[in-house]
Each structure stands twice: as C-alpha cells, then as structure tokens.
C-alpha cells in the first residue's frame, strides 16, 4: 500500500511525495466523475506543484451538464495557471457501442498531451462507460503514472484501493461544496448527498490512518520506484 503525501509512519506503508508533477490529465465519463473521484487530490496537487498544467476531459454531457462541469472545473482549478477543459457529448451508457469513435478521440488526445499523471476510472467499475475509458487510458498513456479513482454508487462496487492521498478538512469541504453547489441537475438523486461523499473520504481515511481522518483512494496497477 502506498500513501501519497501522508503524515507519520505506518507499518507496511510507503509514503511518496506529491511534488515533481507538472502535467495532469483527468478523464471522466460523466460530468461529475472527476470531481467525485479525485477532486480532493487535485486540490492537494495544486498546492504542492507550481506551475501545474491540468487537462480535464469529460466524454458525455448535455448543455446543462456541460455548464455545470465547466463551473466545477473552474472552481477546483481556480489556482491553476494553465487549464484545458474539453467536454464531449458521447451518448451516456452507450460507450461500448460507439467504442471506435471514443478510441479515435483517445488517439487524438494521446498525440496532444504527455501527462506525468493520469486520473481515470477503475478497471473493475461496474458501469460500462467507466470500464471502457479505463481500458482506453492504458492503451493510450503507457508512459504515464495512472491512478484509477472510485465512484460510490448503488452497484456497491467499491474495491480495495492500494494508493491513498491524505486530505485536510478544507480539501474535503471544498470538494463537496463544489459538487453540491454546482450540480443542481443531480440534486434529485438519492446518492448525490454530502453524507455519501464524506463517508467515502472518512472510510479511506480510516483505512490509511490519515491524521485528519480523510483520504481519497486509488488503484495503481504498476509503479516503478527508482
């Protein structure tokens, strides 16, 4: 288990710094996925790295959700000097059936961006859109560190992450307030609640012994230390 940018020592845990990252690519199937999966970690990365270049890529949206996604990205990346936000409009829940077009989009993205760090969906996520993007991330960005984030939902598919990023209270508060303030279109969904997002942060904080009690968890398939 790795704990990135953590506090004091914990047996069996390698603590790695958050510094030295210059270009970050965030990939999300839907307009709130990036914020839910790695919003707090992005805030920590912004604090630890200057200058930071962030590419924010969402694959499914409509006009309302695109406005929300751009507002959320602007809120979380307010302190980033160089941001590039792209919102595509592939049909939600149909990604496997338009995989050729999505793969072509990844090919173009791969020719334009050489990220140090990529955030994407988890391989074992039960949502078909999420799984396809995870697969294509590894097809395209073979020379980047990839961290797979998690999305709590009714499928109950949260796994056992092996990388944790410890957060402070203000990271959690800013992440969750952004989600609730911006995404009015999701307010009627029973799971889209502050309690859901806080619970995930507290669970991962407990598992990784975060000093603040808060953390985000990720899956990393392969990492070389040297």
C-alpha atoms as a PDB file:
ATOM      1  CA  UNK A   1       0.000   0.000   0.000  1.00  0.00           C
ATOM      2  CA  UNK A   2       1.245   3.466  -0.830  1.00  0.00           C
ATOM      3  CA  UNK A   3       0.177   6.622   0.897  1.00  0.00           C
ATOM      4  CA  UNK A   4       0.951   9.732  -1.129  1.00  0.00           C
ATOM      5  CA  UNK A   5       1.948  12.845   0.763  1.00  0.00           C
ATOM      6  CA  UNK A   6       0.875  11.362   4.078  1.00  0.00           C
ATOM      7  CA  UNK A   7       1.755  12.098   7.681  1.00  0.00           C
ATOM      8  CA  UNK A   8       3.659   9.927  10.162  1.00  0.00           C
ATOM      9  CA  UNK A   9       4.910   6.391   9.557  1.00  0.00           C
ATOM     10  CA  UNK A  10       2.558   3.425   9.349  1.00  0.00           C
ATOM     11  CA  UNK A  11       3.898  -0.158   9.224  1.00  0.00           C
ATOM     12  CA  UNK A  12       3.842  -1.613   5.719  1.00  0.00           C
ATOM     13  CA  UNK A  13       3.206   1.710   4.025  1.00  0.00           C
ATOM     14  CA  UNK A  14       5.438   3.589   1.578  1.00  0.00           C
ATOM     15  CA  UNK A  15       4.975   7.364   1.729  1.00  0.00           C
ATOM     16  CA  UNK A  16       5.668   9.160  -1.563  1.00  0.00           C
ATOM     17  CA  UNK A  17       5.763  12.933  -2.149  1.00  0.00           C
ATOM     18  CA  UNK A  18       3.205  14.807  -4.218  1.00  0.00           C
ATOM     19  CA  UNK A  19       5.818  17.126  -5.695  1.00  0.00           C
ATOM     20  CA  UNK A  20       7.517  16.990  -9.088  1.00  0.00           C
ATOM     21  CA  UNK A  21       4.295  16.663 -11.099  1.00  0.00           C
ATOM     22  CA  UNK A  22       3.868  19.169 -13.921  1.00  0.00           C
ATOM     23  CA  UNK A  23       1.140  17.870 -16.244  1.00  0.00           C
ATOM     24  CA  UNK A  24      -2.035  16.116 -15.085  1.00  0.00           C
ATOM     25  CA  UNK A  25      -4.751  14.572 -17.240  1.00  0.00           C
ATOM     26  CA  UNK A  26      -8.172  13.946 -15.693  1.00  0.00           C
ATOM     27  CA  UNK A  27     -10.525  11.614 -17.574  1.00  0.00           C
ATOM     28  CA  UNK A  28     -14.193  11.231 -16.705  1.00  0.00           C
ATOM     29  CA  UNK A  29     -17.087   9.508 -18.426  1.00  0.00           C
ATOM     30  CA  UNK A  30     -19.690  11.855 -16.997  1.00  0.00           C
ATOM     31  CA  UNK A  31     -19.658  15.443 -15.854  1.00  0.00           C
ATOM     32  CA  UNK A  32     -19.239  14.881 -12.100  1.00  0.00           C
ATOM     33  CA  UNK A  33     -16.962  11.825 -12.141  1.00  0.00           C
ATOM     34  CA  UNK A  34     -13.627  13.629 -11.897  1.00  0.00           C
ATOM     35  CA  UNK A  35     -14.773  15.800  -9.001  1.00  0.00           C
ATOM     36  CA  UNK A  36     -16.161  12.816  -7.088  1.00  0.00           C
ATOM     37  CA  UNK A  37     -13.212  10.549  -7.783  1.00  0.00           C
ATOM     38  CA  UNK A  38     -10.215  12.826  -7.325  1.00  0.00           C
ATOM     39  CA  UNK A  39     -11.381  16.354  -6.518  1.00  0.00           C
ATOM     40  CA  UNK A  40      -9.601  16.497  -3.162  1.00  0.00           C
ATOM     41  CA  UNK A  41      -6.386  15.083  -4.585  1.00  0.00           C
ATOM     42  CA  UNK A  42      -6.407  17.689  -7.349  1.00  0.00           C
ATOM     43  CA  UNK A  43      -6.618  20.405  -4.715  1.00  0.00           C
ATOM     44  CA  UNK A  44      -3.585  18.919  -2.956  1.00  0.00           C
ATOM     45  CA  UNK A  45      -1.656  18.656  -6.212  1.00  0.00           C
ATOM     46  CA  UNK A  46      -2.337  22.305  -6.978  1.00  0.00           C
ATOM     47  CA  UNK A  47      -0.944  23.272  -3.580  1.00  0.00           C
ATOM     48  CA  UNK A  48       2.178  21.124  -3.944  1.00  0.00           C
ATOM     49  CA  UNK A  49       3.154  21.832  -7.548  1.00  0.00           C
ATOM     50  CA  UNK A  50       3.730  25.102  -9.341  1.00  0.00           C
ATOM     51  CA  UNK A  51       3.331  25.593 -12.193  1.00  0.00           C
ATOM     52  CA  UNK A  52       0.802  22.840 -12.844  1.00  0.00           C
ATOM     53  CA  UNK A  53      -0.855  22.094 -16.202  1.00  0.00           C
ATOM     54  CA  UNK A  54      -4.235  20.339 -15.998  1.00  0.00           C
ATOM     55  CA  UNK A  55      -6.134  18.766 -18.892  1.00  0.00           C
ATOM     56  CA  UNK A  56      -9.747  17.954 -17.969  1.00  0.00           C
ATOM     57  CA  UNK A  57     -11.577  15.609 -20.371  1.00  0.00           C
ATOM     58  CA  UNK A  58     -15.231  14.553 -19.986  1.00  0.00           C
ATOM     59  CA  UNK A  59     -16.808  12.254 -22.564  1.00  0.00           C
ATOM     60  CA  UNK A  60     -20.577  12.558 -22.026  1.00  0.00           C
ATOM     61  CA  UNK A  61     -22.726  15.635 -21.444  1.00  0.00           C
ATOM     62  CA  UNK A  62     -25.682  17.713 -22.471  1.00  0.00           C
ATOM     63  CA  UNK A  63     -25.933  21.506 -22.459  1.00  0.00           C
ATOM     64  CA  UNK A  64     -26.940  21.760 -18.788  1.00  0.00           C
ATOM     65  CA  UNK A  65     -24.348  19.350 -17.501  1.00  0.00           C
ATOM     66  CA  UNK A  66     -21.621  20.869 -19.652  1.00  0.00           C
ATOM     67  CA  UNK A  67     -22.212  24.244 -17.993  1.00  0.00           C
ATOM     68  CA  UNK A  68     -22.060  22.549 -14.604  1.00  0.00           C
ATOM     69  CA  UNK A  69     -18.868  20.664 -15.454  1.00  0.00           C
ATOM     70  CA  UNK A  70     -17.101  23.789 -16.642  1.00  0.00           C
ATOM     71  CA  UNK A  71     -18.145  25.633 -13.482  1.00  0.00           C
ATOM     72  CA  UNK A  72     -16.899  22.776 -11.300  1.00  0.00           C
ATOM     73  CA  UNK A  73     -13.574  22.584 -13.125  1.00  0.00           C
ATOM     74  CA  UNK A  74     -13.139  26.336 -12.772  1.00  0.00           C
ATOM     75  CA  UNK A  75     -13.872  26.133  -9.037  1.00  0.00           C
ATOM     76  CA  UNK A  76     -11.434  23.311  -8.331  1.00  0.00           C
ATOM     77  CA  UNK A  77      -8.724  24.601 -10.663  1.00  0.00           C
ATOM     78  CA  UNK A  78      -9.008  28.273  -9.766  1.00  0.00           C
ATOM     79  CA  UNK A  79      -5.364  28.367  -8.658  1.00  0.00           C
ATOM     80  CA  UNK A  80      -4.021  26.566 -11.744  1.00  0.00           C
ATOM     81  CA  UNK A  81      -2.454  28.846 -14.315  1.00  0.00           C
ATOM     82  CA  UNK A  82      -2.790  26.515 -17.303  1.00  0.00           C
ATOM     83  CA  UNK A  83      -6.008  24.521 -17.749  1.00  0.00           C
ATOM     84  CA  UNK A  84      -7.610  22.913 -20.775  1.00  0.00           C
ATOM     85  CA  UNK A  85     -11.180  21.672 -20.350  1.00  0.00           C
ATOM     86  CA  UNK A  86     -12.841  19.560 -23.071  1.00  0.00           C
ATOM     87  CA  UNK A  87     -16.424  18.302 -22.766  1.00  0.00           C
ATOM     88  CA  UNK A  88     -17.553  15.735 -25.339  1.00  0.00           C
ATOM     89  CA  UNK A  89     -21.139  14.590 -25.958  1.00  0.00           C
ATOM     90  CA  UNK A  90     -20.996  10.824 -26.460  1.00  0.00           C
ATOM     91  CA  UNK A  91     -24.242   9.123 -25.508  1.00  0.00           C
ATOM     92  CA  UNK A  92     -24.297   8.171 -21.831  1.00  0.00           C
ATOM     93  CA  UNK A  93     -24.486   4.422 -21.081  1.00  0.00           C
ATOM     94  CA  UNK A  94     -23.720   3.570 -24.734  1.00  0.00           C
ATOM     95  CA  UNK A  95     -19.928   3.903 -24.755  1.00  0.00           C
ATOM     96  CA  UNK A  96     -19.182   0.254 -25.667  1.00  0.00           C
ATOM     97  CA  UNK A  97     -21.387   0.637 -28.741  1.00  0.00           C
ATOM     98  CA  UNK A  98     -19.510   3.700 -30.044  1.00  0.00           C
ATOM     99  CA  UNK A  99     -16.094   2.497 -28.912  1.00  0.00           C
ATOM    100  CA  UNK A 100     -14.434   3.190 -32.276  1.00  0.00           C
ATOM    101  CA  UNK A 101     -15.274   6.894 -32.107  1.00  0.00           C
ATOM    102  CA  UNK A 102     -14.171   7.099 -28.473  1.00  0.00           C
ATOM    103  CA  UNK A 103     -10.908   5.311 -29.293  1.00  0.00           C
ATOM    104  CA  UNK A 104     -10.268   7.861 -32.042  1.00  0.00           C
ATOM    105  CA  UNK A 105     -10.804  10.629 -29.504  1.00  0.00           C
ATOM    106  CA  UNK A 106      -8.224   8.993 -27.236  1.00  0.00           C
ATOM    107  CA  UNK A 107      -5.804   8.739 -30.152  1.00  0.00           C
ATOM    108  CA  UNK A 108      -6.085  12.481 -30.734  1.00  0.00           C
ATOM    109  CA  UNK A 109      -5.719  13.172 -27.016  1.00  0.00           C
ATOM    110  CA  UNK A 110      -2.624  10.992 -26.830  1.00  0.00           C
ATOM    111  CA  UNK A 111      -0.990  12.947 -29.645  1.00  0.00           C
ATOM    112  CA  UNK A 112      -1.629  16.243 -27.851  1.00  0.00           C
ATOM    113  CA  UNK A 113      -0.870  15.538 -24.182  1.00  0.00           C
ATOM    114  CA  UNK A 114       2.078  13.851 -22.455  1.00  0.00           C
ATOM    115  CA  UNK A 115       0.934  13.752 -18.814  1.00  0.00           C
ATOM    116  CA  UNK A 116       3.043  12.876 -15.802  1.00  0.00           C
ATOM    117  CA  UNK A 117      -0.088  11.665 -14.025  1.00  0.00           C
ATOM    118  CA  UNK A 118      -3.439  10.440 -15.340  1.00  0.00           C
ATOM    119  CA  UNK A 119      -6.620  10.062 -13.296  1.00  0.00           C
ATOM    120  CA  UNK A 120      -9.173   7.690 -14.800  1.00  0.00           C
ATOM    121  CA  UNK A 121     -11.916   5.251 -13.877  1.00  0.00           C
ATOM    122  CA  UNK A 122     -11.243   1.950 -12.129  1.00  0.00           C
ATOM    123  CA  UNK A 123     -10.865  -1.202 -14.195  1.00  0.00           C
ATOM    124  CA  UNK A 124     -13.408  -3.129 -12.093  1.00  0.00           C
ATOM    125  CA  UNK A 125     -16.053  -0.395 -12.066  1.00  0.00           C
ATOM    126  CA  UNK A 126     -19.392  -1.975 -12.992  1.00  0.00           C
ATOM    127  CA  UNK A 127     -20.516   0.965 -15.126  1.00  0.00           C
ATOM    128  CA  UNK A 128     -19.832   0.096 -18.757  1.00  0.00           C
ATOM    129  CA  UNK A 129     -18.851   3.660 -19.698  1.00  0.00           C
ATOM    130  CA  UNK A 130     -16.313   3.805 -16.874  1.00  0.00           C
ATOM    131  CA  UNK A 131     -14.726   0.469 -17.757  1.00  0.00           C
ATOM    132  CA  UNK A 132     -14.205   1.385 -21.394  1.00  0.00           C
ATOM    133  CA  UNK A 133     -12.459   4.640 -20.539  1.00  0.00           C
ATOM    134  CA  UNK A 134     -10.198   2.828 -18.076  1.00  0.00           C
ATOM    135  CA  UNK A 135      -9.174   0.361 -20.774  1.00  0.00           C
ATOM    136  CA  UNK A 136      -8.516   3.069 -23.347  1.00  0.00           C
ATOM    137  CA  UNK A 137      -6.493   5.090 -20.855  1.00  0.00           C
ATOM    138  CA  UNK A 138      -3.971   2.261 -20.603  1.00  0.00           C
ATOM    139  CA  UNK A 139      -3.970   1.770 -24.375  1.00  0.00           C
ATOM    140  CA  UNK A 140      -3.062   5.407 -24.894  1.00  0.00           C
ATOM    141  CA  UNK A 141      -0.903   6.559 -21.967  1.00  0.00           C
ATOM    142  CA  UNK A 142       1.627   3.779 -21.484  1.00  0.00           C
ATOM    143  CA  UNK A 143       4.382   6.093 -20.247  1.00  0.00           C
ATOM    144  CA  UNK A 144       2.374   7.897 -17.551  1.00  0.00           C
ATOM    145  CA  UNK A 145       1.548   7.077 -13.960  1.00  0.00           C
ATOM    146  CA  UNK A 146      -2.147   6.115 -13.946  1.00  0.00           C
ATOM    147  CA  UNK A 147      -4.294   6.279 -10.823  1.00  0.00           C
ATOM    148  CA  UNK A 148      -7.787   4.791 -11.077  1.00  0.00           C
ATOM    149  CA  UNK A 149     -10.352   6.580  -8.920  1.00  0.00           C
ATOM    150  CA  UNK A 150     -13.570   5.228  -7.460  1.00  0.00           C
ATOM    151  CA  UNK A 151     -17.192   6.347  -7.751  1.00  0.00           C
ATOM    152  CA  UNK A 152     -19.661   5.326  -4.991  1.00  0.00           C
ATOM    153  CA  UNK A 153     -22.959   4.132  -6.436  1.00  0.00           C
ATOM    154  CA  UNK A 154     -25.764   1.629  -5.924  1.00  0.00           C
ATOM    155  CA  UNK A 155     -23.800  -1.160  -7.658  1.00  0.00           C
ATOM    156  CA  UNK A 156     -21.719  -1.498  -4.493  1.00  0.00           C
ATOM    157  CA  UNK A 157     -18.520  -1.999  -6.491  1.00  0.00           C
ATOM    158  CA  UNK A 158     -16.049  -0.103  -4.323  1.00  0.00           C
ATOM    159  CA  UNK A 159     -12.915  -2.211  -4.152  1.00  0.00           C
ATOM    160  CA  UNK A 160      -9.705  -2.256  -2.140  1.00  0.00           C
ATOM    161  CA  UNK A 161      -7.557   0.693  -3.252  1.00  0.00           C
ATOM    162  CA  UNK A 162      -3.803   0.429  -2.831  1.00  0.00           C
ATOM    163  CA  UNK A 163      -2.920   4.129  -3.088  1.00  0.00           C
ATOM    164  CA  UNK A 164      -4.236   6.779  -0.728  1.00  0.00           C
ATOM    165  CA  UNK A 165      -3.925  10.558  -0.742  1.00  0.00           C
ATOM    166  CA  UNK A 166      -4.442  12.172   2.650  1.00  0.00           C
ATOM    167  CA  UNK A 167      -6.569  15.306   2.687  1.00  0.00           C
ATOM    168  CA  UNK A 168      -7.150  18.116   5.120  1.00  0.00           C
ATOM    169  CA  UNK A 169     -10.604  19.259   6.180  1.00  0.00           C
ATOM    170  CA  UNK A 170     -10.556  22.212   3.779  1.00  0.00           C
ATOM    171  CA  UNK A 171      -9.887  19.887   0.825  1.00  0.00           C
ATOM    172  CA  UNK A 172     -12.938  17.794   1.660  1.00  0.00           C
ATOM    173  CA  UNK A 173     -15.107  20.820   2.301  1.00  0.00           C
ATOM    174  CA  UNK A 174     -14.146  22.485  -0.982  1.00  0.00           C
ATOM    175  CA  UNK A 175     -14.590  19.300  -2.993  1.00  0.00           C
ATOM    176  CA  UNK A 176     -18.027  18.525  -1.571  1.00  0.00           C
ATOM    177  CA  UNK A 177     -19.333  22.085  -1.566  1.00  0.00           C
ATOM    178  CA  UNK A 178     -18.350  22.377  -5.240  1.00  0.00           C
ATOM    179  CA  UNK A 179     -20.266  19.202  -6.101  1.00  0.00           C
ATOM    180  CA  UNK A 180     -23.398  20.260  -4.233  1.00  0.00           C
ATOM    181  CA  UNK A 181     -23.342  23.911  -5.279  1.00  0.00           C
ATOM    182  CA  UNK A 182     -22.678  23.306  -8.982  1.00  0.00           C
ATOM    183  CA  UNK A 183     -24.503  20.107  -9.910  1.00  0.00           C
ATOM    184  CA  UNK A 184     -28.118  21.119  -9.441  1.00  0.00           C
ATOM    185  CA  UNK A 185     -29.129  18.626 -12.132  1.00  0.00           C
ATOM    186  CA  UNK A 186     -28.139  15.778  -9.804  1.00  0.00           C
ATOM    187  CA  UNK A 187     -29.873  17.053  -6.668  1.00  0.00           C
ATOM    188  CA  UNK A 188     -32.826  14.673  -7.010  1.00  0.00           C
ATOM    189  CA  UNK A 189     -30.610  11.557  -6.973  1.00  0.00           C
ATOM    190  CA  UNK A 190     -30.712   9.800  -3.628  1.00  0.00           C
ATOM    191  CA  UNK A 191     -26.977   9.124  -3.535  1.00  0.00           C
ATOM    192  CA  UNK A 192     -25.855  12.626  -4.516  1.00  0.00           C
ATOM    193  CA  UNK A 193     -25.538  13.851  -0.947  1.00  0.00           C
ATOM    194  CA  UNK A 194     -22.857  15.339   1.236  1.00  0.00           C
ATOM    195  CA  UNK A 195     -23.125  12.292   3.516  1.00  0.00           C
ATOM    196  CA  UNK A 196     -22.174   9.948   0.676  1.00  0.00           C
ATOM    197  CA  UNK A 197     -19.070  11.917  -0.250  1.00  0.00           C
ATOM    198  CA  UNK A 198     -17.959  12.483   3.344  1.00  0.00           C
ATOM    199  CA  UNK A 199     -18.462   8.793   4.143  1.00  0.00           C
ATOM    200  CA  UNK A 200     -16.133   7.739   1.315  1.00  0.00           C
ATOM    201  CA  UNK A 201     -13.450  10.187   2.461  1.00  0.00           C
ATOM    202  CA  UNK A 202     -13.736   9.010   6.058  1.00  0.00           C
ATOM    203  CA  UNK A 203     -13.626   5.323   5.091  1.00  0.00           C
ATOM    204  CA  UNK A 204     -10.444   5.742   3.061  1.00  0.00           C
ATOM    205  CA  UNK A 205      -9.012   7.971   5.759  1.00  0.00           C
ATOM    206  CA  UNK A 206      -9.566   5.257   8.346  1.00  0.00           C
ATOM    207  CA  UNK A 207      -8.011   2.585   6.120  1.00  0.00           C
ATOM    208  CA  UNK A 208      -4.873   4.641   5.524  1.00  0.00           C
ATOM    209  CA  UNK A 209      -4.630   6.160   9.019  1.00  0.00           C
ATOM    210  CA  UNK A 210      -4.904   9.706   7.735  1.00  0.00           C
ATOM    211  CA  UNK A 211      -4.116  12.220  10.501  1.00  0.00           C
ATOM    212  CA  UNK A 212      -7.194  14.260   9.536  1.00  0.00           C
ATOM    213  CA  UNK A 213      -9.323  11.147   9.072  1.00  0.00           C
ATOM    214  CA  UNK A 214      -9.871  11.975   5.387  1.00  0.00           C
ATOM    215  CA  UNK A 215      -8.385  10.440   2.236  1.00  0.00           C
ATOM    216  CA  UNK A 216      -9.153   9.537  -1.344  1.00  0.00           C
ATOM    217  CA  UNK A 217      -8.351   6.026  -2.531  1.00  0.00           C
ATOM    218  CA  UNK A 218      -6.991   4.902  -5.900  1.00  0.00           C
ATOM    219  CA  UNK A 219      -5.937   1.741  -7.701  1.00  0.00           C
ATOM    220  CA  UNK A 220      -2.474   1.614  -9.273  1.00  0.00           C
ATOM    221  CA  UNK A 221      -1.684  -1.417 -11.445  1.00  0.00           C
ATOM    222  CA  UNK A 222       2.060  -0.860 -11.776  1.00  0.00           C
ATOM    223  CA  UNK A 223       4.640   1.542 -10.376  1.00  0.00           C
ATOM    224  CA  UNK A 224       8.438   1.590 -10.555  1.00  0.00           C
ATOM    225  CA  UNK A 225      10.405   3.150  -7.718  1.00  0.00           C
ATOM    226  CA  UNK A 226      13.830   4.398  -8.654  1.00  0.00           C
END
